[in-house]
Protein backbone atom coordinates (compact mmCIF):
# COMPACT_ATOMS: atom_id res chain seq x y z
CA MET A 1 0.00 0.00 0.00
CA PHE A 2 0.90 3.68 -0.07
CA PRO A 3 1.07 4.41 3.67
CA GLY A 4 -0.15 7.76 4.95
CA GLY A 5 3.39 8.41 6.10
CA GLY A 6 4.31 9.03 2.44
CA GLY A 7 5.25 12.27 4.04
CA ARG A 8 7.32 15.11 2.75
CA TRP A 9 7.19 14.18 -0.93
CA LEU A 10 3.39 13.93 -0.95
CA ASP A 11 3.04 17.13 1.06
CA THR A 12 5.20 18.93 -1.48
CA MET A 13 3.05 17.65 -4.32
CA VAL A 14 -0.12 18.74 -2.56
CA ASN A 15 1.22 22.22 -1.77
CA SER A 16 2.29 22.90 -5.35
CA GLU A 17 -0.89 21.60 -6.91
CA THR A 18 -3.56 22.94 -4.57
CA ALA A 19 -2.66 26.44 -5.66
CA GLY A 20 -3.57 25.47 -9.22
CA THR A 21 -6.72 23.79 -7.99
CA ALA A 22 -7.71 26.95 -6.13
CA ASP A 23 -7.45 28.89 -9.37
CA LYS A 24 -9.81 26.42 -11.02
CA VAL A 25 -12.24 26.75 -8.14
CA ARG A 26 -12.26 30.53 -8.59
CA GLY A 27 -12.93 29.96 -12.29
CA GLY A 28 -16.04 27.96 -11.39
CA GLN A 29 -14.80 24.57 -12.64
CA LEU A 30 -15.19 22.88 -9.26
CA ALA A 31 -18.32 24.70 -8.16
CA ALA A 32 -20.48 21.61 -8.38
CA SER A 33 -18.32 19.64 -5.97
CA LYS A 34 -17.35 22.40 -3.53
CA GLY A 35 -19.38 24.26 -0.98
CA ALA A 36 -19.18 27.97 -0.32
CA SER A 37 -16.34 27.44 2.13
CA GLY A 38 -14.17 25.77 -0.50
CA ARG A 39 -14.24 22.47 1.40
CA PRO A 40 -15.31 19.33 -0.45
CA ARG A 41 -19.08 18.83 -0.46
CA GLY A 42 -19.88 15.14 -0.17
CA GLY A 43 -17.57 12.21 -0.67
CA GLY A 44 -14.96 12.30 2.05
CA TRP A 45 -13.31 9.18 3.38
CA PRO A 46 -16.07 6.73 2.29
CA ALA A 47 -15.55 7.94 -1.29
CA VAL A 48 -11.78 7.61 -0.93
CA GLY A 49 -12.29 4.06 0.36
CA ALA A 50 -14.45 3.26 -2.67
CA LEU A 51 -11.70 4.49 -4.98
CA ALA A 52 -9.16 2.33 -3.14
CA ALA A 53 -11.49 -0.64 -3.64
CA ALA A 54 -11.72 0.26 -7.33
CA THR A 55 -7.96 0.33 -7.83
CA PHE A 56 -7.64 -2.96 -5.95
CA THR A 57 -10.33 -4.53 -8.11
CA VAL A 58 -8.99 -3.43 -11.48
CA VAL A 59 -5.40 -4.46 -10.77
CA THR A 60 -6.55 -7.79 -9.35
CA SER A 61 -8.59 -8.32 -12.52
CA GLU A 62 -5.49 -7.59 -14.58
CA MET A 63 -3.24 -10.02 -12.72
CA LEU A 64 -5.77 -12.78 -12.06
CA PRO A 65 -4.26 -15.22 -14.63
CA VAL A 66 -0.89 -15.27 -12.84
CA GLY A 67 -1.86 -17.99 -10.37
CA LEU A 68 -4.14 -19.77 -12.86
CA LEU A 69 -1.89 -20.23 -15.91
CA THR A 70 -1.47 -23.97 -15.58
CA PRO A 71 -5.21 -24.84 -15.34
CA ILE A 72 -6.10 -22.25 -18.02
CA GLY A 73 -3.54 -23.69 -20.40
CA ARG A 74 -4.62 -27.27 -19.67
CA ASP A 75 -8.33 -26.51 -20.10
CA LEU A 76 -7.91 -24.47 -23.29
CA ARG A 77 -5.13 -26.76 -24.59
CA VAL A 78 -2.43 -24.13 -25.00
CA SER A 79 1.12 -23.83 -23.63
CA ASP A 80 2.05 -21.81 -20.53
CA GLY A 81 3.63 -19.23 -22.81
CA THR A 82 0.45 -18.87 -24.86
CA ALA A 83 -1.70 -18.69 -21.73
CA GLY A 84 0.60 -15.90 -20.52
CA LEU A 85 -0.64 -13.78 -23.43
CA THR A 86 -3.74 -13.13 -21.32
CA LEU A 87 -1.55 -10.93 -19.16
CA THR A 88 0.55 -9.54 -22.01
CA LEU A 89 -2.43 -8.29 -24.00
CA THR A 90 -4.13 -6.75 -20.97
CA GLY A 91 -1.00 -4.85 -20.05
CA LEU A 92 -0.53 -3.52 -23.57
CA VAL A 93 -4.12 -2.31 -23.79
CA ALA A 94 -3.98 -0.73 -20.33
CA ALA A 95 -0.72 1.02 -21.20
CA VAL A 96 -2.44 2.71 -24.14
CA ALA A 97 -5.80 3.19 -22.42
CA ALA A 98 -4.41 5.09 -19.42
CA PRO A 99 -3.10 8.18 -21.26
CA VAL A 100 -5.64 8.00 -24.08
CA LEU A 101 -8.69 7.84 -21.80
CA THR A 102 -7.21 10.56 -19.59
CA LEU A 103 -7.11 12.79 -22.67
CA LEU A 104 -10.46 11.70 -24.13
CA ILE A 105 -12.76 11.96 -21.12
CA GLY A 106 -12.34 15.73 -21.18
CA ARG A 107 -14.98 17.34 -18.98
CA ARG A 108 -17.18 14.30 -18.35
CA ASP A 109 -18.23 13.59 -14.78
CA ARG A 110 -15.57 11.32 -13.26
CA ARG A 111 -18.12 9.40 -11.20
CA THR A 112 -20.03 8.44 -14.35
CA VAL A 113 -16.83 7.47 -16.17
CA LEU A 114 -15.57 5.32 -13.29
CA ALA A 115 -18.91 3.53 -12.91
CA ALA A 116 -19.01 2.80 -16.65
CA LEU A 117 -15.47 1.42 -16.60
CA MET A 118 -16.30 -0.86 -13.66
CA ALA A 119 -19.28 -2.19 -15.64
CA VAL A 120 -16.92 -2.94 -18.53
CA LEU A 121 -14.64 -4.83 -16.14
CA ALA A 122 -17.52 -6.88 -14.72
CA ALA A 123 -18.61 -7.88 -18.22
CA ALA A 124 -15.03 -8.69 -19.22
CA ASN A 125 -14.47 -11.03 -16.29
CA LEU A 126 -17.79 -12.75 -16.90
CA LEU A 127 -16.87 -13.26 -20.56
CA ALA A 128 -13.54 -14.75 -19.48
CA ALA A 129 -15.32 -17.17 -17.16
CA TYR A 130 -17.32 -18.54 -20.09
CA ALA A 131 -14.52 -18.48 -22.67
CA THR A 132 -14.63 -21.48 -24.98
CA GLY A 133 -11.16 -20.90 -26.41
CA ILE A 134 -8.08 -18.74 -26.11
CA GLY A 135 -9.45 -16.23 -28.64
CA VAL A 136 -12.52 -15.46 -26.53
CA LEU A 137 -10.39 -15.21 -23.41
CA LEU A 138 -8.02 -12.75 -25.09
CA ALA A 139 -10.98 -10.62 -26.24
CA ALA A 140 -12.16 -10.47 -22.63
CA ARG A 141 -8.70 -9.44 -21.53
CA VAL A 142 -8.72 -6.53 -24.00
CA LEU A 143 -11.78 -5.18 -22.18
CA VAL A 144 -10.02 -5.68 -18.84
CA GLY A 145 -7.11 -3.59 -20.12
CA ILE A 146 -9.41 -0.73 -21.13
CA GLY A 147 -11.17 -0.67 -17.78
CA MET A 148 -8.04 -1.13 -15.73
CA GLY A 149 -6.00 1.58 -17.43
CA GLY A 150 -8.82 4.12 -17.27
CA VAL A 151 -9.80 3.54 -13.64
CA TRP A 152 -6.23 3.62 -12.33
CA ALA A 153 -5.32 6.82 -14.16
CA ILE A 154 -8.55 8.70 -13.31
CA ALA A 155 -8.71 7.70 -9.65
CA ALA A 156 -5.20 9.00 -9.02
CA GLY A 157 -6.29 12.62 -9.39
CA LEU A 158 -9.46 12.68 -7.30
CA ALA A 159 -8.26 12.90 -3.70
CA VAL A 160 -7.97 16.70 -3.82
CA ARG A 161 -11.68 16.89 -4.67
CA LEU A 162 -12.92 14.60 -1.89
CA VAL A 163 -11.18 15.65 1.34
CA PRO A 164 -9.87 18.87 2.91
CA GLU A 165 -6.46 20.06 1.76
CA ARG A 166 -4.62 18.86 4.85
CA ARG A 167 -5.86 15.30 4.20
CA VAL A 168 -5.07 15.08 0.48
CA ALA A 169 -1.72 13.31 0.93
CA ALA A 170 -3.23 10.61 3.14
CA ALA A 171 -6.23 10.20 0.83
CA THR A 172 -3.97 9.85 -2.22
CA SER A 173 -2.01 7.20 -0.34
CA LEU A 174 -5.18 5.29 0.46
CA ILE A 175 -6.37 5.38 -3.16
CA PHE A 176 -3.04 4.00 -4.37
CA SER A 177 -3.03 1.39 -1.61
CA GLY A 178 -5.51 -0.56 -3.71
CA VAL A 179 -2.89 -0.96 -6.43
CA ALA A 180 -0.25 -2.28 -4.07
CA ALA A 181 -2.70 -4.49 -2.16
CA ALA A 182 -3.82 -6.07 -5.42
CA SER A 183 -0.23 -6.73 -6.41
CA VAL A 184 0.48 -8.67 -3.24
CA LEU A 185 -2.91 -10.15 -2.31
CA GLY A 186 -5.00 -10.39 -5.48
CA VAL A 187 -3.03 -13.23 -7.06
CA PRO A 188 -3.08 -15.47 -3.95
CA ALA A 189 -6.82 -14.88 -3.51
CA GLY A 190 -7.51 -15.69 -7.15
CA THR A 191 -5.34 -18.78 -6.93
CA LEU A 192 -7.21 -19.99 -3.84
CA VAL A 193 -10.61 -19.55 -5.50
CA GLY A 194 -9.25 -21.29 -8.59
CA GLU A 195 -8.06 -24.25 -6.55
CA LEU A 196 -11.41 -24.56 -4.76
CA GLY A 197 -13.77 -24.07 -7.70
CA GLY A 198 -11.70 -23.99 -10.89
CA TRP A 199 -10.21 -21.08 -12.80
CA ARG A 200 -13.58 -20.09 -14.26
CA ALA A 201 -14.97 -19.62 -10.75
CA ALA A 202 -12.17 -17.14 -10.04
CA PHE A 203 -13.21 -14.97 -13.01
CA THR A 204 -16.89 -15.23 -12.06
CA ALA A 205 -16.11 -14.07 -8.52
CA MET A 206 -14.09 -11.19 -9.92
CA ALA A 207 -17.04 -10.10 -12.08
CA ALA A 208 -19.24 -9.97 -8.98
CA VAL A 209 -16.65 -7.90 -7.11
CA CYS A 210 -16.39 -5.44 -10.01
CA ALA A 211 -20.15 -4.99 -10.07
CA ALA A 212 -20.28 -4.41 -6.30
CA VAL A 213 -17.46 -1.86 -6.42
CA GLY A 214 -19.13 -0.06 -9.33
CA LEU A 215 -22.29 0.27 -7.26
CA ALA A 216 -20.25 1.57 -4.33
CA LEU A 217 -18.72 4.25 -6.55
CA VAL A 218 -22.16 5.41 -7.67
CA VAL A 219 -23.42 5.58 -4.09
CA LEU A 220 -20.37 7.00 -2.31
CA LEU A 221 -18.80 9.38 -4.84
CA PRO A 222 -20.28 12.87 -5.18
CA PRO A 223 -20.81 14.35 -8.64
CA LEU A 224 -17.35 15.04 -10.05
CA PRO A 225 -17.62 17.39 -13.03
CA ALA A 226 -14.36 18.09 -14.78
CA ALA A 227 -11.80 20.13 -12.89
CA GLY A 228 -9.79 20.53 -16.07
CA ALA A 229 -8.42 18.41 -18.88
CA VAL A 230 -4.97 16.90 -19.23
CA ARG A 231 -3.29 18.00 -22.47
CA LEU A 232 -1.03 15.84 -24.62
CA GLY A 233 1.72 18.46 -24.49
CA GLY A 234 1.70 18.40 -20.70
CA VAL A 235 2.13 14.64 -20.58
CA LEU A 236 4.90 14.50 -23.18
CA GLY A 237 6.63 17.52 -21.69
CA LEU A 238 7.41 15.58 -18.53
CA LEU A 239 9.69 13.30 -20.53
CA GLY A 240 12.09 16.23 -20.83
CA ARG A 241 12.81 16.08 -17.09
CA PRO A 242 15.76 13.76 -16.30
CA PRO A 243 14.42 12.63 -12.88
CA VAL A 244 11.11 11.68 -14.50
CA ARG A 245 12.90 9.70 -17.20
CA THR A 246 15.00 7.89 -14.60
CA GLY A 247 11.89 7.05 -12.58
CA LEU A 248 10.11 5.67 -15.62
CA VAL A 249 13.15 3.56 -16.58
CA LEU A 250 13.16 2.14 -13.05
CA VAL A 251 9.48 1.28 -13.33
CA ALA A 252 10.08 -0.38 -16.71
CA LEU A 253 13.02 -2.50 -15.56
CA LEU A 254 11.60 -3.54 -12.19
CA VAL A 255 8.11 -4.39 -13.39
CA THR A 256 9.30 -6.10 -16.58
CA GLY A 257 11.80 -8.17 -14.61
CA HIS A 258 9.28 -9.08 -11.93
CA PHE A 259 6.56 -10.17 -14.34
CA ALA A 260 8.95 -12.00 -16.64
CA ALA A 261 9.57 -14.34 -13.72
CA TYR A 262 6.46 -14.03 -11.52
CA THR A 263 3.94 -14.66 -14.32
CA TYR A 264 5.47 -18.15 -14.54
CA VAL A 265 6.15 -18.68 -10.83
CA ARG A 266 3.78 -21.65 -10.71
CA PRO A 267 5.55 -23.71 -13.40
CA VAL A 268 8.91 -22.58 -11.97
CA LEU A 269 8.08 -23.86 -8.49
CA GLU A 270 6.67 -27.07 -9.95
CA ALA A 271 9.85 -27.64 -11.98
CA VAL A 272 12.60 -26.67 -9.53
CA ALA A 273 11.01 -27.61 -6.19
CA GLY A 274 8.36 -30.19 -7.11
CA ALA A 275 5.65 -28.01 -5.57
CA THR A 276 2.06 -29.28 -5.42
CA PRO A 277 -0.97 -27.04 -6.20
CA GLY A 278 -1.63 -26.61 -2.48
CA GLN A 279 1.97 -25.60 -1.86
CA ILE A 280 1.79 -23.08 -4.73
CA GLY A 281 -1.13 -21.36 -3.00
CA THR A 282 0.81 -21.29 0.27
CA ALA A 283 3.86 -19.76 -1.40
CA LEU A 284 1.77 -17.07 -3.10
CA LEU A 285 0.04 -16.29 0.19
CA ALA A 286 3.47 -15.87 1.81
CA PHE A 287 4.40 -13.58 -1.08
CA GLY A 288 1.31 -11.46 -0.38
CA VAL A 289 1.76 -11.16 3.37
CA ALA A 290 5.45 -10.32 3.00
CA GLY A 291 4.58 -7.83 0.25
CA LEU A 292 2.23 -5.89 2.50
CA ALA A 293 4.94 -5.66 5.15
CA GLY A 294 7.46 -4.58 2.52
CA ASN A 295 5.07 -1.92 1.28
CA PHE A 296 4.91 -0.25 4.69
CA VAL A 297 8.66 -0.50 5.21
CA SER A 298 9.46 0.83 1.74
CA GLY A 299 6.85 3.58 1.99
CA ALA A 300 8.48 4.97 5.11
CA ALA A 301 11.92 4.68 3.55
CA ALA A 302 10.83 6.31 0.29
CA ALA A 303 9.37 9.27 2.19
CA ARG A 304 12.92 9.98 3.38
CA SER A 305 14.81 9.00 0.21
CA PRO A 306 13.24 7.35 -2.86
CA ARG A 307 16.71 6.47 -4.20
CA ALA A 308 17.80 4.67 -1.03
CA ALA A 309 14.51 2.79 -0.86
CA LEU A 310 14.80 1.64 -4.47
CA LEU A 311 18.43 0.59 -4.07
CA GLY A 312 17.40 -1.71 -1.23
CA ILE A 313 14.41 -3.04 -3.16
CA CYS A 314 16.46 -3.80 -6.26
CA ALA A 315 19.19 -5.59 -4.32
CA VAL A 316 16.82 -7.84 -2.36
CA LEU A 317 14.59 -8.53 -5.35
CA ALA A 318 17.45 -9.49 -7.67
CA ALA A 319 18.96 -11.83 -5.07
CA ALA A 320 15.64 -13.49 -4.23
CA VAL A 321 14.68 -14.12 -7.86
CA LEU A 322 18.06 -15.44 -8.98
CA LEU A 323 18.43 -17.80 -6.02
CA VAL A 324 15.08 -19.60 -6.48
CA PRO A 325 16.41 -22.37 -8.82
CA PRO A 326 19.56 -23.33 -6.88
CA VAL A 327 17.95 -23.08 -3.45
CA GLY A 328 14.74 -24.79 -4.61
CA GLY A 329 16.77 -27.60 -6.11
CA ALA A 330 18.87 -28.07 -2.97
CA ALA A 331 16.36 -27.38 -0.19
CA GLY A 332 13.10 -28.22 -1.94
CA PHE A 333 9.85 -26.35 -1.52
CA THR A 334 10.71 -24.88 1.90
CA GLY A 335 13.77 -23.06 0.58
CA ALA A 336 11.99 -21.89 -2.57
CA ALA A 337 9.02 -20.63 -0.54
CA ALA A 338 11.31 -18.62 1.73
CA LEU A 339 12.79 -16.91 -1.32
CA VAL A 340 9.33 -16.26 -2.75
CA ALA A 341 8.47 -14.53 0.54
CA ALA A 342 11.63 -12.40 0.28
CA TRP A 343 10.66 -11.67 -3.32
CA GLY A 344 7.27 -10.43 -2.11
CA LEU A 345 8.89 -8.34 0.63
CA ALA A 346 10.93 -6.49 -1.97
CA TYR A 347 8.33 -6.20 -4.72
CA GLY A 348 5.71 -4.95 -2.25
CA GLY A 349 7.59 -1.66 -2.11
CA VAL A 350 8.02 -1.12 -5.86
CA SER A 351 4.75 0.75 -6.48
CA VAL A 352 5.00 3.10 -3.52
CA SER A 353 8.69 3.85 -4.05
CA THR A 354 8.53 4.49 -7.78
CA GLN A 355 5.33 6.54 -7.44
CA THR A 356 6.96 8.60 -4.67
CA TRP A 357 9.99 9.16 -6.93
CA LEU A 358 7.75 10.46 -9.73
CA MET A 359 5.70 12.65 -7.40
CA ALA A 360 8.91 14.24 -6.18
CA ALA A 361 10.18 14.61 -9.76
CA ALA A 362 6.96 16.28 -11.01
CA PRO A 363 5.05 17.78 -8.06
CA ASP A 364 3.40 20.32 -10.37
CA ALA A 365 1.96 17.77 -12.83
CA ARG A 366 0.42 14.98 -10.79
CA GLU A 367 -2.22 13.79 -13.28
CA ALA A 368 0.18 13.83 -16.23
CA ALA A 369 2.82 11.97 -14.21
CA SER A 370 0.22 9.42 -13.10
CA ALA A 371 -0.80 8.81 -16.72
CA LEU A 372 2.83 8.14 -17.66
CA PHE A 373 3.34 5.96 -14.60
CA VAL A 374 0.28 3.80 -15.39
CA ALA A 375 1.25 3.55 -19.07
CA VAL A 376 4.83 2.46 -18.37
CA PHE A 377 3.82 0.18 -15.50
CA ASN A 378 1.30 -1.71 -17.61
CA GLY A 379 3.49 -1.72 -20.69
CA ALA A 380 6.14 -3.33 -18.51
CA ILE A 381 3.66 -5.95 -17.28
CA ALA A 382 2.89 -6.80 -20.90
CA LEU A 383 6.53 -6.88 -21.93
CA GLY A 384 7.52 -8.93 -18.89
CA SER A 385 4.86 -11.58 -19.38
CA LEU A 386 5.59 -11.73 -23.12
CA ALA A 387 9.35 -12.03 -22.66
CA GLY A 388 8.84 -14.52 -19.87
CA GLY A 389 6.57 -16.59 -22.09
CA ARG A 390 9.18 -16.75 -24.82
CA ALA A 391 11.81 -17.68 -22.24
CA ALA A 392 9.55 -20.33 -20.70
CA ASP A 393 8.81 -21.93 -24.06
CA GLY A 394 12.41 -21.73 -25.27
CA TRP A 395 14.60 -22.13 -22.19
CA GLY A 396 12.32 -23.66 -19.57
CA ALA A 397 11.74 -22.61 -15.98
CA GLY A 398 15.31 -21.49 -15.41
CA GLY A 399 15.16 -19.10 -18.35
CA VAL A 400 12.41 -16.92 -16.88
CA ILE A 401 14.34 -16.63 -13.63
CA TRP A 402 17.57 -15.49 -15.27
CA LEU A 403 15.73 -13.03 -17.47
CA GLY A 404 13.77 -11.51 -14.59
CA GLY A 405 16.73 -11.35 -12.24
CA GLY A 406 18.94 -9.76 -14.89
CA LEU A 407 16.45 -6.97 -15.54
CA VAL A 408 16.15 -6.23 -11.82
CA ALA A 409 19.95 -6.09 -11.59
CA ALA A 410 19.89 -3.49 -14.39
CA ALA A 411 17.36 -1.52 -12.33
CA LEU A 412 19.80 -1.58 -9.41
CA VAL A 413 22.45 0.08 -11.59
CA THR A 414 19.92 2.65 -12.83
CA ALA A 415 18.86 3.57 -9.30
CA ALA A 416 22.48 4.04 -8.32
CA VAL A 417 23.62 6.24 -11.23
CA GLY A 418 20.44 7.83 -12.65
CA ARG A 419 19.30 11.42 -12.02
CA GLY A 420 17.01 11.49 -9.01
CA PRO A 421 14.50 14.07 -7.78
CA GLY A 422 15.85 16.97 -5.74
CA ARG A 423 15.11 17.28 -2.07
CA ALA A 424 11.65 18.51 -1.30
CA PRO A 425 11.56 21.96 0.28
CA ARG A 426 10.47 22.02 3.88
CA ARG A 427 6.81 22.74 4.44
CA GLU A 428 6.31 26.03 6.22
CA ALA A 429 4.54 25.92 9.53
CA ALA A 430 0.95 27.05 9.48
């Protein structure tokens, strides 16, 4: 999750952007969602909680196939690499959908847009549950990518419109916590449902969750007419900032490396440690629990220094991934599971640390930076699962591990030598 202690970097972002928001309020653009006092009218923490549930739901929908690749491939009679395309395609579509939808929605009410996107996600997961072949499943995953990219990018900019100014940093953290929680808990939960009722039951359950969250957004969010539109020039202009470029390269390397290996963690554990389906679920649960702990630890560290936090994450993640085959072969499932837990501990901090880096690098352009972050993050998921699939089909289980670990090692070098964000100025006392 993104803990509320995201601290000085988030406060800096809020200070620089609320001035621009105040100008829009004076121009009448936020009149429908603000009272006469300038405080948010409606919404508040229940609405923020609904947005956190939405980000959790969409990212869980995206990553659901990770723990289900083997039964999906067996049922649809395709290889693990081909089944992995369900993640690749979703990531590619989400990478495009995030910036494109951010530009296209213009001045439409954000509550209406979010509810519509959740309906698309519910339909997509239901279609996946009834897929008769890989083609139908991939079509469903295209719809998941559209919904996921749009919800994640839009939700990121709404905290300032739902809570008082002094609470915006904490509210933003809570909204993004859904992304991190999905990364570390969604896959184990989906795997458990898949083991109990089959992989189709996991997609059916996800459709029901999407529908429930969509209803919650309609009930709990206030009307959210446009506060302004993101322009293409503003998004592309951020690429001219060296700290932003470094942050995006870190996202690309870490997420590509992680998903190149983690998408195929089930066949890897089966091959190198002889893991049973029940043991796979246990290992993924350990990954999730450790990931939540790592998220809190990394969030606190990133608030002080995003570079230091990412150096630690890269070092632990590279070591854990690369050691799975030799340790799993020598110590069996117990040793491999311990490394998977360490893997989760490190990866749990990737979202919060890279997002904190980008917030510090572009405190004056939060929505544009979020669109780039979501695009690169999901493009990396797609690239990682695709590259991992090719490695799995061509080199076997060991190939995906060496590919993933090598990319994370490259991220370690980038974090050490790349241009980082400057120190945030101290917040003046009230």
